[in-house]
N, C-alpha and C. Protein backbone atom coordinates (compact mmCIF):
# COMPACT_ATOMS: atom_id res chain seq x y z
N MET A 1 -23.44 -15.80 -6.58
CA MET A 1 -22.61 -15.22 -7.02
C MET A 1 -22.78 -13.97 -7.14
N LYS A 2 -21.62 -13.02 -6.81
CA LYS A 2 -20.92 -11.92 -6.41
C LYS A 2 -21.90 -10.89 -7.61
N THR A 3 -22.58 -9.97 -7.54
CA THR A 3 -22.65 -8.96 -8.53
C THR A 3 -21.58 -8.13 -9.14
N LYS A 4 -21.89 -7.66 -9.78
CA LYS A 4 -20.54 -6.69 -10.97
C LYS A 4 -20.45 -5.76 -9.73
N ALA A 5 -21.56 -4.79 -9.26
CA ALA A 5 -21.33 -3.58 -8.12
C ALA A 5 -20.27 -3.95 -7.17
N SER A 6 -20.69 -4.85 -6.39
CA SER A 6 -19.95 -5.33 -4.93
C SER A 6 -19.01 -5.88 -5.52
N LYS A 7 -18.39 -6.57 -6.61
CA LYS A 7 -17.28 -6.55 -7.10
C LYS A 7 -16.10 -5.70 -7.01
N TYR A 8 -17.00 -4.43 -7.72
CA TYR A 8 -16.11 -3.03 -8.12
C TYR A 8 -15.81 -2.56 -6.89
N LEU A 9 -17.31 -2.54 -5.56
CA LEU A 9 -16.80 -2.15 -4.62
C LEU A 9 -15.33 -2.62 -3.79
N GLU A 10 -15.27 -4.19 -3.75
CA GLU A 10 -14.55 -4.76 -3.23
C GLU A 10 -13.02 -4.04 -3.72
N ILE A 11 -12.88 -4.02 -5.01
CA ILE A 11 -11.69 -3.75 -5.42
C ILE A 11 -11.43 -2.24 -4.81
N VAL A 12 -12.36 -1.69 -5.75
CA VAL A 12 -12.01 -0.19 -4.19
C VAL A 12 -11.60 0.28 -2.96
N ILE A 13 -12.31 -0.61 -2.31
CA ILE A 13 -12.18 -1.11 -1.13
C ILE A 13 -10.67 -1.13 -0.78
N GLU A 14 -10.48 -2.10 -1.04
CA GLU A 14 -8.45 -3.09 -1.19
C GLU A 14 -7.62 -1.87 -1.72
N SER A 15 -8.08 -1.43 -3.08
CA SER A 15 -7.55 -0.16 -3.28
C SER A 15 -6.70 0.53 -2.23
N ILE A 16 -7.98 1.34 -1.47
CA ILE A 16 -8.13 2.30 -0.54
C ILE A 16 -7.44 1.92 0.37
N ASN A 17 -7.76 0.67 0.91
CA ASN A 17 -6.36 -0.01 2.03
C ASN A 17 -5.36 -0.23 1.76
N TYR A 18 -5.03 -0.32 0.32
CA TYR A 18 -3.84 -0.25 -0.06
C TYR A 18 -2.57 0.55 0.03
N ILE A 19 -3.38 1.82 -0.45
CA ILE A 19 -2.82 3.25 -0.75
C ILE A 19 -2.74 3.41 0.78
N ILE A 20 -3.58 3.70 1.69
CA ILE A 20 -3.45 3.94 2.90
C ILE A 20 -2.14 3.02 3.83
N ILE A 21 -1.81 1.57 3.63
CA ILE A 21 -1.56 1.24 4.65
C ILE A 21 -0.21 1.24 3.84
N SER A 22 0.34 1.64 2.76
CA SER A 22 1.73 1.71 1.81
C SER A 22 1.83 2.61 2.29
N TYR A 23 1.08 3.62 2.35
CA TYR A 23 1.25 5.36 2.98
C TYR A 23 2.23 5.41 4.27
N ALA A 24 1.40 4.42 5.19
CA ALA A 24 1.91 4.34 6.86
C ALA A 24 3.07 3.90 6.58
N LEU A 25 3.36 2.98 5.81
CA LEU A 25 4.32 2.13 5.74
C LEU A 25 5.71 2.60 5.29
N SER A 26 5.42 3.25 4.13
CA SER A 26 6.24 3.97 3.93
C SER A 26 6.69 5.51 4.70
N ASN A 27 6.45 5.77 5.60
CA ASN A 27 6.36 7.15 6.36
C ASN A 27 6.99 6.11 7.82
N MET A 28 6.32 5.37 8.29
CA MET A 28 7.68 4.93 8.81
C MET A 28 9.23 4.24 8.40
N ALA A 29 9.14 3.92 7.41
CA ALA A 29 9.81 3.20 7.10
C ALA A 29 11.34 4.81 6.07
N MET A 30 10.34 5.88 6.05
CA MET A 30 11.24 7.22 6.38
C MET A 30 11.52 7.87 7.39
N LEU A 31 10.89 7.69 8.50
CA LEU A 31 11.47 7.73 9.85
C LEU A 31 12.89 7.00 10.46
N PHE A 32 12.23 5.82 10.11
CA PHE A 32 13.00 4.71 10.51
C PHE A 32 14.90 4.34 9.87
N GLN A 33 14.86 5.27 8.57
CA GLN A 33 15.84 4.65 7.44
C GLN A 33 17.39 4.49 7.70
N SER A 34 17.41 5.69 9.30
CA SER A 34 18.63 5.30 9.85
C SER A 34 18.85 3.92 10.66
N ASN A 35 18.14 3.42 10.60
CA ASN A 35 17.86 2.71 12.29
C ASN A 35 18.16 1.32 11.37
N PRO A 36 18.10 0.26 11.78
CA PRO A 36 17.79 -1.30 11.44
C PRO A 36 16.14 -1.50 11.08
N LEU A 37 15.32 -1.02 12.19
CA LEU A 37 13.91 -1.04 11.78
C LEU A 37 13.73 -0.83 10.34
N PHE A 38 14.29 -0.41 9.29
CA PHE A 38 13.99 0.68 8.11
C PHE A 38 13.43 -0.79 7.42
N ILE A 39 14.64 -2.09 7.14
CA ILE A 39 14.67 -3.72 6.96
C ILE A 39 12.80 -3.99 7.30
N LEU A 40 12.91 -3.66 8.52
CA LEU A 40 11.21 -4.29 8.66
C LEU A 40 10.07 -3.83 7.71
N PHE A 41 10.15 -2.69 7.77
CA PHE A 41 8.73 -1.74 7.37
C PHE A 41 8.91 -1.81 6.17
N PHE A 42 10.48 -1.58 5.71
CA PHE A 42 10.09 -2.14 3.99
C PHE A 42 9.89 -3.05 3.60
N ALA A 43 10.36 -4.22 3.80
CA ALA A 43 10.25 -5.49 4.04
C ALA A 43 8.29 -5.78 3.79
N SER A 44 7.74 -4.92 5.06
CA SER A 44 6.10 -5.23 4.89
C SER A 44 5.62 -4.25 3.46
N GLU A 45 6.20 -3.33 3.46
CA GLU A 45 5.81 -2.90 2.11
C GLU A 45 6.06 -3.87 1.02
N ILE A 46 6.93 -4.64 0.98
CA ILE A 46 7.05 -5.43 -0.53
C ILE A 46 6.01 -6.65 -0.09
N TRP A 47 5.89 -6.43 1.02
CA TRP A 47 4.50 -7.77 1.08
C TRP A 47 3.09 -7.32 0.94
N VAL A 48 3.05 -6.33 1.49
CA VAL A 48 1.76 -5.48 1.68
C VAL A 48 1.20 -5.06 -0.22
N ILE A 49 2.30 -5.11 -1.07
CA ILE A 49 2.19 -5.24 -2.54
C ILE A 49 1.81 -6.14 -3.10
N GLY A 50 2.93 -7.38 -2.70
CA GLY A 50 1.93 -8.81 -3.05
C GLY A 50 0.84 -9.22 -2.60
N ASN A 51 0.62 -8.75 -1.75
CA ASN A 51 -1.10 -9.70 -1.15
C ASN A 51 -1.96 -8.47 -1.70
N TYR A 52 -1.53 -7.69 -2.34
CA TYR A 52 -2.46 -6.37 -3.15
C TYR A 52 -2.92 -6.95 -4.88
N TRP A 53 -1.56 -7.30 -5.14
CA TRP A 53 -1.38 -7.97 -6.05
C TRP A 53 -2.63 -9.54 -6.41
N ARG A 54 -1.71 -9.98 -5.35
CA ARG A 54 -2.73 -11.08 -5.30
C ARG A 54 -4.39 -11.06 -4.82
N LYS A 55 -5.02 -10.31 -4.10
CA LYS A 55 -6.09 -10.55 -4.12
C LYS A 55 -6.74 -9.84 -5.23
N VAL A 56 -6.08 -8.83 -5.79
CA VAL A 56 -6.76 -8.41 -6.79
C VAL A 56 -6.72 -9.51 -8.26
N CYS A 57 -5.48 -9.89 -8.26
CA CYS A 57 -5.77 -10.93 -8.89
C CYS A 57 -6.91 -11.85 -9.02
N ASP A 58 -6.68 -12.58 -7.82
CA ASP A 58 -8.44 -13.24 -7.77
C ASP A 58 -9.46 -12.37 -8.07
N MET A 59 -9.77 -11.35 -7.68
CA MET A 59 -11.09 -10.66 -7.79
C MET A 59 -11.40 -10.64 -9.12
N VAL A 60 -10.61 -10.22 -10.36
CA VAL A 60 -10.36 -9.72 -11.54
C VAL A 60 -9.86 -11.11 -12.73
N LYS A 61 -9.61 -12.07 -12.32
CA LYS A 61 -8.90 -13.47 -12.64
C LYS A 61 -8.39 -12.85 -14.10
N ASN A 62 -7.50 -11.75 -14.09
CA ASN A 62 -6.47 -11.53 -15.27
C ASN A 62 -5.66 -10.63 -14.93
N LYS A 63 -4.58 -11.21 -15.23
CA LYS A 63 -2.88 -10.88 -14.37
C LYS A 63 -2.48 -9.34 -15.01
N ILE A 64 -3.10 -8.85 -16.39
CA ILE A 64 -2.67 -7.82 -16.53
C ILE A 64 -3.91 -6.73 -16.11
N LEU A 65 -4.67 -6.56 -15.81
CA LEU A 65 -5.66 -5.45 -15.72
C LEU A 65 -4.97 -5.78 -13.80
N ALA A 66 -4.38 -6.47 -13.21
CA ALA A 66 -4.25 -6.68 -11.87
C ALA A 66 -3.18 -5.75 -11.87
N VAL A 67 -2.08 -6.40 -12.68
CA VAL A 67 -0.89 -5.17 -12.85
C VAL A 67 -1.48 -3.46 -13.00
N VAL A 68 -1.97 -3.42 -14.11
CA VAL A 68 -2.62 -2.15 -14.17
C VAL A 68 -2.87 -1.58 -12.60
N LEU A 69 -4.05 -2.13 -11.97
CA LEU A 69 -4.68 -1.63 -10.93
C LEU A 69 -3.58 -1.11 -9.91
N LEU A 70 -2.35 -2.36 -9.74
CA LEU A 70 -1.34 -2.41 -8.71
C LEU A 70 -0.99 -0.41 -9.10
N ILE A 71 -0.27 -1.27 -10.78
CA ILE A 71 0.63 0.57 -10.93
C ILE A 71 -0.46 1.49 -10.67
N ILE A 72 -1.53 1.59 -11.04
CA ILE A 72 -2.00 2.80 -10.55
C ILE A 72 -2.25 3.29 -8.87
N CYS A 73 -2.30 2.29 -8.14
CA CYS A 73 -2.44 2.89 -6.97
C CYS A 73 -0.81 2.55 -6.25
N PHE A 74 0.24 2.57 -6.95
CA PHE A 74 1.50 2.77 -6.85
C PHE A 74 2.24 4.14 -6.77
N ALA A 75 1.03 4.45 -7.61
CA ALA A 75 1.20 5.82 -8.30
C ALA A 75 0.35 6.50 -7.47
N ILE A 76 -0.86 6.16 -7.00
CA ILE A 76 -1.27 7.01 -6.47
C ILE A 76 -0.31 7.57 -4.77
N HIS A 77 0.10 6.26 -4.54
CA HIS A 77 0.71 6.14 -3.17
C HIS A 77 1.91 7.54 -3.08
N ILE A 78 2.42 7.20 -4.29
CA ILE A 78 3.81 7.94 -4.55
C ILE A 78 3.51 9.88 -4.21
N GLY A 79 2.75 9.46 -5.58
CA GLY A 79 1.91 10.97 -5.92
C GLY A 79 1.16 11.51 -3.85
N ILE A 80 0.89 10.96 -3.51
CA ILE A 80 0.66 11.46 -2.19
C ILE A 80 2.00 11.70 -1.24
N VAL A 81 2.60 11.05 -1.15
CA VAL A 81 4.35 10.86 -0.15
C VAL A 81 5.04 11.98 -0.78
N TYR A 82 4.91 12.20 -2.59
CA TYR A 82 5.66 13.66 -3.20
C TYR A 82 4.68 14.65 -2.67
N PHE A 83 3.49 15.06 -2.82
CA PHE A 83 2.81 15.92 -2.58
C PHE A 83 2.43 16.29 -1.29
N ILE A 84 1.44 15.56 -0.59
CA ILE A 84 1.36 15.96 0.61
C ILE A 84 2.47 15.42 1.65
N GLY A 85 3.77 14.76 1.27
CA GLY A 85 4.39 14.93 2.16
C GLY A 85 4.50 13.69 2.62
N ARG A 86 5.82 13.43 4.00
CA ARG A 86 5.77 12.58 4.85
C ARG A 86 5.25 13.13 6.59
N VAL A 87 5.28 12.28 7.46
CA VAL A 87 4.44 12.57 8.26
C VAL A 87 6.23 12.86 9.05
N VAL A 88 6.38 13.68 9.91
CA VAL A 88 7.80 14.42 10.57
C VAL A 88 7.42 13.70 11.85
N GLY A 89 8.36 13.15 12.37
CA GLY A 89 8.13 12.97 13.70
C GLY A 89 9.63 12.53 14.24
N THR A 90 9.44 12.18 15.70
CA THR A 90 11.27 11.65 16.46
C THR A 90 10.47 10.01 16.67
N VAL A 91 11.16 8.65 17.31
CA VAL A 91 10.46 7.97 18.04
C VAL A 91 11.06 8.53 19.44
N VAL A 92 9.32 8.34 20.19
CA VAL A 92 9.97 8.80 21.87
C VAL A 92 9.63 7.13 23.01
N PRO A 93 10.78 7.55 23.29
CA PRO A 93 10.90 5.92 24.26
C PRO A 93 9.42 5.40 25.01
N PHE A 94 9.26 4.48 25.45
CA PHE A 94 8.60 4.45 26.49
C PHE A 94 9.27 4.42 27.65
N LYS A 95 8.19 5.52 29.02
CA LYS A 95 9.34 5.61 30.27
C LYS A 95 8.91 4.58 31.16
């Protein structure tokens, strides 16, 4: 049986992982917003949200708490995109 500390640590690590991956996928989706690849990155973001919710729901055994954690992490992700900004760049083809 896991201790409470290791359970909380696992939730924190999953949350940080979710925020970082969502930020990266958001940047890629914004970079490709006029390209058909946008659909791929947007769908990946939706998949990551569902995957995070499922993992947290399994860990905490409470759907309401899992939704609250998802909303908090999503708000942090949107805050990072808004206040820190997106990565600006261009796609460079391989030579």
